[in-house]
Amino acid sequence: MKQLEGQLSAKGLKVAVVVSRFNSFITKELLNGALDCWRRHEGDEDDFTAVWVPGAFELAPTAQKAAASGRYDAVVCLGAVIRGATSHFDFVAGQAAKGIAQVAMDSTIPVIFGVLTTDSIEQAMERAGTKAGNKGWDAMLSAVEMSRVYDQLT
């Protein structure tokens, strides 16, 4: 039986991290977690590009451009959509997820979904580096592993 498995070394990889500026008090922490993961897995900071966009809705088209550029081995999308008193949450969260999933399916490199969709600010904070870890870190770790898996598949 042959098995393929990604190694957890970012050495030699280049990554674009597309980050939503909306709820930046959360997304900055997600970005910090992603960068920390990158460094701890032998990634070079010169090969880590953060791309800021206004909100979660803009993540997918920007990720698509980054993925198509040929400059990166993976793209990570980070955002925080927090439920409010209106149905706006449902539209933004759903379309962000759908858009990023479509970019991932159409791309030849990994495109990772690191968008928090929470019911409260407290839940978002828990996932941005407190009780529930840092989902930016987790998204970057997935990007590194999947880049290595894709390398083996091509």
N, C-alpha and C. Protein backbone atom coordinates (compact mmCIF):
# COMPACT_ATOMS: atom_id res chain seq x y z
N MET A 1 0.86 -1.17 0.00
CA MET A 1 0.00 0.00 0.00
C MET A 1 0.90 1.24 0.00
N LYS A 2 0.59 2.17 -0.86
CA LYS A 2 1.32 3.44 -0.92
C LYS A 2 0.50 4.50 -0.20
N GLN A 3 1.20 5.30 0.62
CA GLN A 3 0.53 6.38 1.34
C GLN A 3 1.29 7.68 1.11
N LEU A 4 0.55 8.75 0.93
CA LEU A 4 1.14 10.08 0.81
C LEU A 4 0.74 10.88 2.04
N GLU A 5 1.69 11.59 2.57
CA GLU A 5 1.42 12.38 3.76
C GLU A 5 2.31 13.63 3.70
N GLY A 6 1.75 14.77 4.04
CA GLY A 6 2.52 16.00 4.00
C GLY A 6 3.42 16.18 5.20
N GLN A 7 4.62 16.66 4.94
CA GLN A 7 5.56 16.97 6.02
C GLN A 7 5.24 18.38 6.54
N LEU A 8 5.60 18.63 7.76
CA LEU A 8 5.26 19.91 8.38
C LEU A 8 6.46 20.85 8.39
N SER A 9 7.05 21.05 7.23
CA SER A 9 8.14 22.01 7.07
C SER A 9 7.76 23.02 6.00
N ALA A 10 7.80 24.29 6.37
CA ALA A 10 7.50 25.37 5.43
C ALA A 10 8.75 25.83 4.68
N LYS A 11 9.88 25.20 4.95
CA LYS A 11 11.14 25.61 4.34
C LYS A 11 11.02 25.58 2.82
N GLY A 12 11.31 26.72 2.20
CA GLY A 12 11.26 26.83 0.75
C GLY A 12 9.89 27.14 0.18
N LEU A 13 8.86 27.16 1.00
CA LEU A 13 7.52 27.48 0.52
C LEU A 13 7.29 28.99 0.53
N LYS A 14 6.34 29.42 -0.30
CA LYS A 14 5.89 30.81 -0.30
C LYS A 14 4.38 30.79 -0.08
N VAL A 15 3.90 31.68 0.79
CA VAL A 15 2.48 31.68 1.13
C VAL A 15 1.93 33.10 1.09
N ALA A 16 0.68 33.20 0.64
CA ALA A 16 -0.08 34.45 0.73
C ALA A 16 -1.16 34.23 1.78
N VAL A 17 -1.28 35.18 2.69
CA VAL A 17 -2.32 35.13 3.71
C VAL A 17 -3.24 36.32 3.48
N VAL A 18 -4.45 36.04 3.05
CA VAL A 18 -5.43 37.09 2.77
C VAL A 18 -6.24 37.30 4.04
N VAL A 19 -6.23 38.52 4.56
CA VAL A 19 -6.79 38.81 5.87
C VAL A 19 -7.85 39.90 5.77
N SER A 20 -8.99 39.64 6.36
CA SER A 20 -10.07 40.62 6.43
C SER A 20 -9.77 41.68 7.48
N ARG A 21 -9.89 42.94 7.10
CA ARG A 21 -9.69 44.04 8.04
C ARG A 21 -10.89 44.20 8.99
N PHE A 22 -12.07 43.77 8.56
CA PHE A 22 -13.25 43.87 9.41
C PHE A 22 -13.05 42.95 10.62
N ASN A 23 -13.35 43.44 11.79
CA ASN A 23 -13.07 42.73 13.05
C ASN A 23 -11.56 42.51 13.22
N SER A 24 -10.79 43.54 12.90
CA SER A 24 -9.33 43.42 12.91
C SER A 24 -8.76 43.12 14.30
N PHE A 25 -9.49 43.43 15.35
CA PHE A 25 -9.02 43.08 16.69
C PHE A 25 -8.93 41.57 16.84
N ILE A 26 -9.67 40.83 16.03
CA ILE A 26 -9.60 39.37 16.00
C ILE A 26 -8.65 38.90 14.89
N THR A 27 -8.81 39.47 13.69
CA THR A 27 -8.04 38.97 12.55
C THR A 27 -6.54 39.24 12.70
N LYS A 28 -6.17 40.31 13.40
CA LYS A 28 -4.74 40.54 13.66
C LYS A 28 -4.15 39.41 14.49
N GLU A 29 -4.93 38.90 15.44
CA GLU A 29 -4.47 37.78 16.26
C GLU A 29 -4.39 36.49 15.45
N LEU A 30 -5.33 36.30 14.52
CA LEU A 30 -5.27 35.14 13.63
C LEU A 30 -4.02 35.21 12.77
N LEU A 31 -3.73 36.40 12.25
CA LEU A 31 -2.53 36.60 11.44
C LEU A 31 -1.27 36.34 12.26
N ASN A 32 -1.25 36.83 13.50
CA ASN A 32 -0.10 36.58 14.37
C ASN A 32 0.10 35.08 14.60
N GLY A 33 -1.00 34.36 14.78
CA GLY A 33 -0.92 32.91 14.95
C GLY A 33 -0.38 32.23 13.71
N ALA A 34 -0.84 32.67 12.54
CA ALA A 34 -0.37 32.09 11.28
C ALA A 34 1.12 32.35 11.09
N LEU A 35 1.56 33.56 11.40
CA LEU A 35 2.98 33.89 11.25
C LEU A 35 3.83 33.10 12.25
N ASP A 36 3.34 32.94 13.47
CA ASP A 36 4.06 32.15 14.47
C ASP A 36 4.22 30.71 14.00
N CYS A 37 3.17 30.13 13.47
CA CYS A 37 3.22 28.77 12.95
C CYS A 37 4.23 28.68 11.80
N TRP A 38 4.19 29.65 10.91
CA TRP A 38 5.10 29.70 9.76
C TRP A 38 6.56 29.68 10.23
N ARG A 39 6.86 30.56 11.18
CA ARG A 39 8.24 30.64 11.70
C ARG A 39 8.66 29.33 12.36
N ARG A 40 7.77 28.76 13.17
CA ARG A 40 8.11 27.55 13.92
C ARG A 40 8.24 26.31 13.05
N HIS A 41 7.77 26.43 11.80
CA HIS A 41 7.88 25.31 10.87
C HIS A 41 8.86 25.63 9.74
N GLU A 42 9.87 26.43 10.07
CA GLU A 42 11.01 26.73 9.20
C GLU A 42 10.68 27.64 8.03
N GLY A 43 9.56 28.36 8.09
CA GLY A 43 9.22 29.29 7.02
C GLY A 43 10.04 30.57 7.14
N ASP A 44 10.41 31.12 6.01
CA ASP A 44 11.16 32.37 5.94
C ASP A 44 10.15 33.52 5.86
N GLU A 45 10.32 34.53 6.72
CA GLU A 45 9.39 35.66 6.73
C GLU A 45 9.32 36.37 5.38
N ASP A 46 10.41 36.35 4.62
CA ASP A 46 10.40 36.97 3.29
C ASP A 46 9.49 36.23 2.32
N ASP A 47 9.11 35.00 2.66
CA ASP A 47 8.23 34.20 1.81
C ASP A 47 6.79 34.18 2.33
N PHE A 48 6.47 35.08 3.25
CA PHE A 48 5.15 35.19 3.88
C PHE A 48 4.59 36.56 3.50
N THR A 49 3.52 36.57 2.72
CA THR A 49 2.91 37.82 2.29
C THR A 49 1.51 37.94 2.87
N ALA A 50 1.28 39.01 3.64
CA ALA A 50 -0.07 39.30 4.17
C ALA A 50 -0.74 40.29 3.22
N VAL A 51 -1.96 39.97 2.81
CA VAL A 51 -2.74 40.81 1.91
C VAL A 51 -4.02 41.20 2.64
N TRP A 52 -4.15 42.48 2.98
CA TRP A 52 -5.33 42.95 3.71
C TRP A 52 -6.44 43.34 2.75
N VAL A 53 -7.65 42.92 3.08
CA VAL A 53 -8.85 43.27 2.30
C VAL A 53 -9.90 43.83 3.26
N PRO A 54 -10.90 44.55 2.75
CA PRO A 54 -11.88 45.19 3.64
C PRO A 54 -12.67 44.22 4.53
N GLY A 55 -13.17 43.14 3.95
CA GLY A 55 -14.03 42.24 4.73
C GLY A 55 -13.96 40.82 4.23
N ALA A 56 -14.75 39.95 4.86
CA ALA A 56 -14.74 38.53 4.52
C ALA A 56 -15.23 38.27 3.10
N PHE A 57 -16.10 39.12 2.61
CA PHE A 57 -16.63 38.93 1.26
C PHE A 57 -15.53 39.08 0.21
N GLU A 58 -14.51 39.87 0.49
CA GLU A 58 -13.42 40.12 -0.45
C GLU A 58 -12.32 39.06 -0.39
N LEU A 59 -12.41 38.14 0.56
CA LEU A 59 -11.37 37.12 0.69
C LEU A 59 -11.25 36.23 -0.55
N ALA A 60 -12.37 35.71 -1.03
CA ALA A 60 -12.33 34.75 -2.14
C ALA A 60 -11.76 35.33 -3.43
N PRO A 61 -12.25 36.48 -3.91
CA PRO A 61 -11.66 36.97 -5.17
C PRO A 61 -10.18 37.33 -5.04
N THR A 62 -9.78 37.78 -3.87
CA THR A 62 -8.36 38.10 -3.66
C THR A 62 -7.54 36.82 -3.59
N ALA A 63 -8.06 35.80 -2.92
CA ALA A 63 -7.39 34.50 -2.88
C ALA A 63 -7.25 33.92 -4.28
N GLN A 64 -8.27 34.10 -5.09
CA GLN A 64 -8.23 33.60 -6.47
C GLN A 64 -7.09 34.26 -7.25
N LYS A 65 -6.96 35.58 -7.12
CA LYS A 65 -5.88 36.29 -7.81
C LYS A 65 -4.51 35.82 -7.31
N ALA A 66 -4.38 35.67 -5.99
CA ALA A 66 -3.11 35.22 -5.43
C ALA A 66 -2.77 33.81 -5.91
N ALA A 67 -3.75 32.92 -5.89
CA ALA A 67 -3.52 31.54 -6.31
C ALA A 67 -3.14 31.47 -7.79
N ALA A 68 -3.76 32.29 -8.60
CA ALA A 68 -3.51 32.27 -10.05
C ALA A 68 -2.20 32.96 -10.42
N SER A 69 -1.62 33.71 -9.50
CA SER A 69 -0.42 34.49 -9.82
C SER A 69 0.81 33.62 -10.08
N GLY A 70 0.82 32.41 -9.55
CA GLY A 70 1.97 31.55 -9.70
C GLY A 70 3.11 31.88 -8.74
N ARG A 71 2.89 32.82 -7.84
CA ARG A 71 3.95 33.24 -6.91
C ARG A 71 3.93 32.49 -5.59
N TYR A 72 2.86 31.74 -5.32
CA TYR A 72 2.70 31.14 -3.99
C TYR A 72 2.46 29.64 -4.09
N ASP A 73 2.83 28.96 -3.01
CA ASP A 73 2.58 27.52 -2.90
C ASP A 73 1.28 27.23 -2.18
N ALA A 74 0.74 28.23 -1.49
CA ALA A 74 -0.54 28.09 -0.78
C ALA A 74 -1.09 29.48 -0.50
N VAL A 75 -2.40 29.52 -0.31
CA VAL A 75 -3.09 30.75 0.10
C VAL A 75 -3.94 30.41 1.31
N VAL A 76 -3.84 31.25 2.33
CA VAL A 76 -4.64 31.09 3.55
C VAL A 76 -5.57 32.29 3.65
N CYS A 77 -6.84 32.03 3.89
CA CYS A 77 -7.83 33.10 4.07
C CYS A 77 -8.21 33.20 5.54
N LEU A 78 -8.04 34.38 6.12
CA LEU A 78 -8.36 34.60 7.53
C LEU A 78 -9.40 35.71 7.67
N GLY A 79 -10.41 35.45 8.48
CA GLY A 79 -11.44 36.45 8.72
C GLY A 79 -12.22 36.10 9.97
N ALA A 80 -13.09 37.01 10.37
CA ALA A 80 -13.96 36.78 11.53
C ALA A 80 -15.31 37.40 11.24
N VAL A 81 -16.31 36.55 11.11
CA VAL A 81 -17.68 36.99 10.90
C VAL A 81 -18.44 36.65 12.18
N ILE A 82 -18.90 37.69 12.87
CA ILE A 82 -19.54 37.52 14.17
C ILE A 82 -21.02 37.86 14.04
N ARG A 83 -21.85 36.96 14.52
CA ARG A 83 -23.30 37.15 14.40
C ARG A 83 -23.75 38.42 15.11
N GLY A 84 -24.61 39.14 14.47
CA GLY A 84 -25.19 40.34 15.06
C GLY A 84 -26.70 40.20 15.13
N ALA A 85 -27.39 41.31 15.20
CA ALA A 85 -28.84 41.31 15.35
C ALA A 85 -29.58 41.18 14.02
N THR A 86 -28.84 41.20 12.90
CA THR A 86 -29.49 41.10 11.59
C THR A 86 -29.05 39.84 10.87
N SER A 87 -29.63 39.60 9.71
CA SER A 87 -29.30 38.41 8.91
C SER A 87 -28.02 38.60 8.08
N HIS A 88 -27.39 39.74 8.20
CA HIS A 88 -26.16 40.03 7.47
C HIS A 88 -25.12 38.92 7.66
N PHE A 89 -24.99 38.41 8.88
CA PHE A 89 -24.05 37.33 9.21
C PHE A 89 -24.24 36.14 8.26
N ASP A 90 -25.48 35.71 8.09
CA ASP A 90 -25.76 34.52 7.28
C ASP A 90 -25.30 34.70 5.84
N PHE A 91 -25.54 35.88 5.29
CA PHE A 91 -25.14 36.13 3.91
C PHE A 91 -23.62 36.20 3.77
N VAL A 92 -22.97 36.94 4.63
CA VAL A 92 -21.52 37.11 4.53
C VAL A 92 -20.80 35.80 4.82
N ALA A 93 -21.16 35.13 5.91
CA ALA A 93 -20.49 33.88 6.26
C ALA A 93 -20.68 32.83 5.16
N GLY A 94 -21.90 32.70 4.69
CA GLY A 94 -22.19 31.71 3.65
C GLY A 94 -21.47 31.98 2.35
N GLN A 95 -21.50 33.22 1.92
CA GLN A 95 -20.84 33.56 0.65
C GLN A 95 -19.32 33.50 0.75
N ALA A 96 -18.77 33.85 1.91
CA ALA A 96 -17.32 33.74 2.09
C ALA A 96 -16.91 32.27 2.00
N ALA A 97 -17.64 31.42 2.69
CA ALA A 97 -17.32 29.98 2.66
C ALA A 97 -17.47 29.41 1.26
N LYS A 98 -18.55 29.75 0.60
CA LYS A 98 -18.80 29.24 -0.75
C LYS A 98 -17.72 29.74 -1.71
N GLY A 99 -17.38 31.01 -1.63
CA GLY A 99 -16.39 31.58 -2.52
C GLY A 99 -15.01 30.98 -2.33
N ILE A 100 -14.58 30.85 -1.08
CA ILE A 100 -13.27 30.27 -0.80
C ILE A 100 -13.23 28.81 -1.22
N ALA A 101 -14.31 28.08 -0.98
CA ALA A 101 -14.36 26.68 -1.41
C ALA A 101 -14.24 26.58 -2.93
N GLN A 102 -14.88 27.48 -3.66
CA GLN A 102 -14.80 27.44 -5.12
C GLN A 102 -13.38 27.74 -5.60
N VAL A 103 -12.74 28.73 -4.97
CA VAL A 103 -11.35 29.04 -5.32
C VAL A 103 -10.47 27.82 -5.06
N ALA A 104 -10.66 27.16 -3.93
CA ALA A 104 -9.88 25.97 -3.59
C ALA A 104 -10.08 24.87 -4.64
N MET A 105 -11.30 24.67 -5.07
CA MET A 105 -11.58 23.62 -6.06
C MET A 105 -10.97 23.95 -7.42
N ASP A 106 -10.93 25.22 -7.77
CA ASP A 106 -10.43 25.64 -9.08
C ASP A 106 -8.92 25.81 -9.12
N SER A 107 -8.28 25.84 -7.98
CA SER A 107 -6.85 26.15 -7.90
C SER A 107 -5.99 24.89 -7.96
N THR A 108 -4.76 25.09 -8.38
CA THR A 108 -3.79 23.99 -8.39
C THR A 108 -2.92 24.01 -7.13
N ILE A 109 -3.16 24.97 -6.23
CA ILE A 109 -2.45 25.02 -4.95
C ILE A 109 -3.49 25.01 -3.83
N PRO A 110 -3.09 24.66 -2.62
CA PRO A 110 -4.03 24.66 -1.50
C PRO A 110 -4.53 26.08 -1.20
N VAL A 111 -5.82 26.20 -0.99
CA VAL A 111 -6.45 27.43 -0.53
C VAL A 111 -7.20 27.06 0.74
N ILE A 112 -6.77 27.64 1.85
CA ILE A 112 -7.22 27.20 3.17
C ILE A 112 -8.23 28.18 3.75
N PHE A 113 -9.30 27.63 4.32
CA PHE A 113 -10.38 28.39 4.95
C PHE A 113 -10.05 28.59 6.43
N GLY A 114 -9.76 29.82 6.81
CA GLY A 114 -9.47 30.15 8.20
C GLY A 114 -10.35 31.29 8.67
N VAL A 115 -11.63 31.20 8.33
CA VAL A 115 -12.58 32.26 8.69
C VAL A 115 -13.42 31.79 9.88
N LEU A 116 -13.34 32.56 10.95
CA LEU A 116 -14.18 32.26 12.11
C LEU A 116 -15.61 32.70 11.82
N THR A 117 -16.55 31.87 12.17
CA THR A 117 -17.97 32.23 12.08
C THR A 117 -18.56 31.92 13.45
N THR A 118 -18.72 32.96 14.25
CA THR A 118 -19.09 32.76 15.65
C THR A 118 -20.36 33.51 16.00
N ASP A 119 -20.96 33.10 17.10
CA ASP A 119 -22.16 33.75 17.59
C ASP A 119 -21.87 34.97 18.45
N SER A 120 -20.62 35.08 18.93
CA SER A 120 -20.30 36.19 19.84
C SER A 120 -18.84 36.60 19.70
N ILE A 121 -18.55 37.79 20.18
CA ILE A 121 -17.17 38.26 20.23
C ILE A 121 -16.34 37.36 21.12
N GLU A 122 -16.92 36.90 22.21
CA GLU A 122 -16.20 36.02 23.13
C GLU A 122 -15.76 34.73 22.44
N GLN A 123 -16.65 34.14 21.65
CA GLN A 123 -16.29 32.92 20.92
C GLN A 123 -15.17 33.19 19.93
N ALA A 124 -15.21 34.33 19.27
CA ALA A 124 -14.15 34.68 18.33
C ALA A 124 -12.82 34.85 19.06
N MET A 125 -12.85 35.52 20.19
CA MET A 125 -11.62 35.73 20.97
C MET A 125 -11.04 34.40 21.44
N GLU A 126 -11.91 33.47 21.83
CA GLU A 126 -11.45 32.14 22.26
C GLU A 126 -10.70 31.43 21.15
N ARG A 127 -11.09 31.66 19.91
CA ARG A 127 -10.49 30.96 18.77
C ARG A 127 -9.32 31.74 18.16
N ALA A 128 -9.05 32.91 18.71
CA ALA A 128 -7.96 33.75 18.19
C ALA A 128 -6.79 33.80 19.17
N GLY A 129 -6.65 32.76 19.97
CA GLY A 129 -5.47 32.67 20.80
C GLY A 129 -5.69 32.48 22.28
N THR A 130 -6.93 32.25 22.70
CA THR A 130 -7.13 32.02 24.13
C THR A 130 -7.50 30.55 24.35
N LYS A 131 -8.66 30.27 24.91
CA LYS A 131 -9.03 28.90 25.31
C LYS A 131 -9.00 27.87 24.19
N ALA A 132 -9.45 28.25 23.01
CA ALA A 132 -9.59 27.28 21.92
C ALA A 132 -8.42 27.31 20.96
N GLY A 133 -7.28 27.81 21.39
CA GLY A 133 -6.12 27.89 20.52
C GLY A 133 -6.23 29.05 19.55
N ASN A 134 -5.45 29.00 18.49
CA ASN A 134 -5.47 30.06 17.49
C ASN A 134 -5.74 29.42 16.13
N LYS A 135 -6.89 29.74 15.57
CA LYS A 135 -7.29 29.14 14.30
C LYS A 135 -6.45 29.64 13.14
N GLY A 136 -5.76 30.78 13.29
CA GLY A 136 -4.81 31.22 12.28
C GLY A 136 -3.63 30.27 12.21
N TRP A 137 -3.16 29.84 13.39
CA TRP A 137 -2.08 28.84 13.47
C TRP A 137 -2.53 27.57 12.76
N ASP A 138 -3.75 27.10 13.10
CA ASP A 138 -4.27 25.86 12.53
C ASP A 138 -4.37 25.94 11.00
N ALA A 139 -4.85 27.09 10.51
CA ALA A 139 -4.98 27.26 9.06
C ALA A 139 -3.62 27.22 8.38
N MET A 140 -2.62 27.86 8.99
CA MET A 140 -1.28 27.84 8.40
C MET A 140 -0.69 26.44 8.43
N LEU A 141 -0.90 25.71 9.50
CA LEU A 141 -0.39 24.35 9.57
C LEU A 141 -1.01 23.49 8.46
N SER A 142 -2.30 23.69 8.21
CA SER A 142 -2.96 22.98 7.10
C SER A 142 -2.35 23.37 5.76
N ALA A 143 -2.04 24.66 5.59
CA ALA A 143 -1.45 25.13 4.33
C ALA A 143 -0.10 24.47 4.09
N VAL A 144 0.72 24.40 5.13
CA VAL A 144 2.05 23.78 4.99
C VAL A 144 1.89 22.30 4.64
N GLU A 145 1.08 21.60 5.39
CA GLU A 145 0.89 20.16 5.14
C GLU A 145 0.32 19.91 3.75
N MET A 146 -0.70 20.67 3.38
CA MET A 146 -1.33 20.44 2.08
C MET A 146 -0.41 20.81 0.92
N SER A 147 0.44 21.80 1.11
CA SER A 147 1.43 22.13 0.07
C SER A 147 2.33 20.94 -0.20
N ARG A 148 2.74 20.27 0.85
CA ARG A 148 3.61 19.10 0.72
C ARG A 148 2.85 17.91 0.11
N VAL A 149 1.57 17.77 0.43
CA VAL A 149 0.76 16.72 -0.19
C VAL A 149 0.61 17.00 -1.69
N TYR A 150 0.28 18.26 -2.03
CA TYR A 150 0.13 18.62 -3.45
C TYR A 150 1.42 18.37 -4.21
N ASP A 151 2.57 18.66 -3.58
CA ASP A 151 3.87 18.41 -4.23
C ASP A 151 3.99 16.94 -4.62
N GLN A 152 3.53 16.06 -3.78
CA GLN A 152 3.63 14.62 -4.05
C GLN A 152 2.63 14.15 -5.10
N LEU A 153 1.58 14.91 -5.29
CA LEU A 153 0.54 14.51 -6.25
C LEU A 153 0.81 15.01 -7.66
N THR A 154 1.79 15.90 -7.80
CA THR A 154 2.07 16.44 -9.15
C THR A 154 3.34 15.87 -9.72
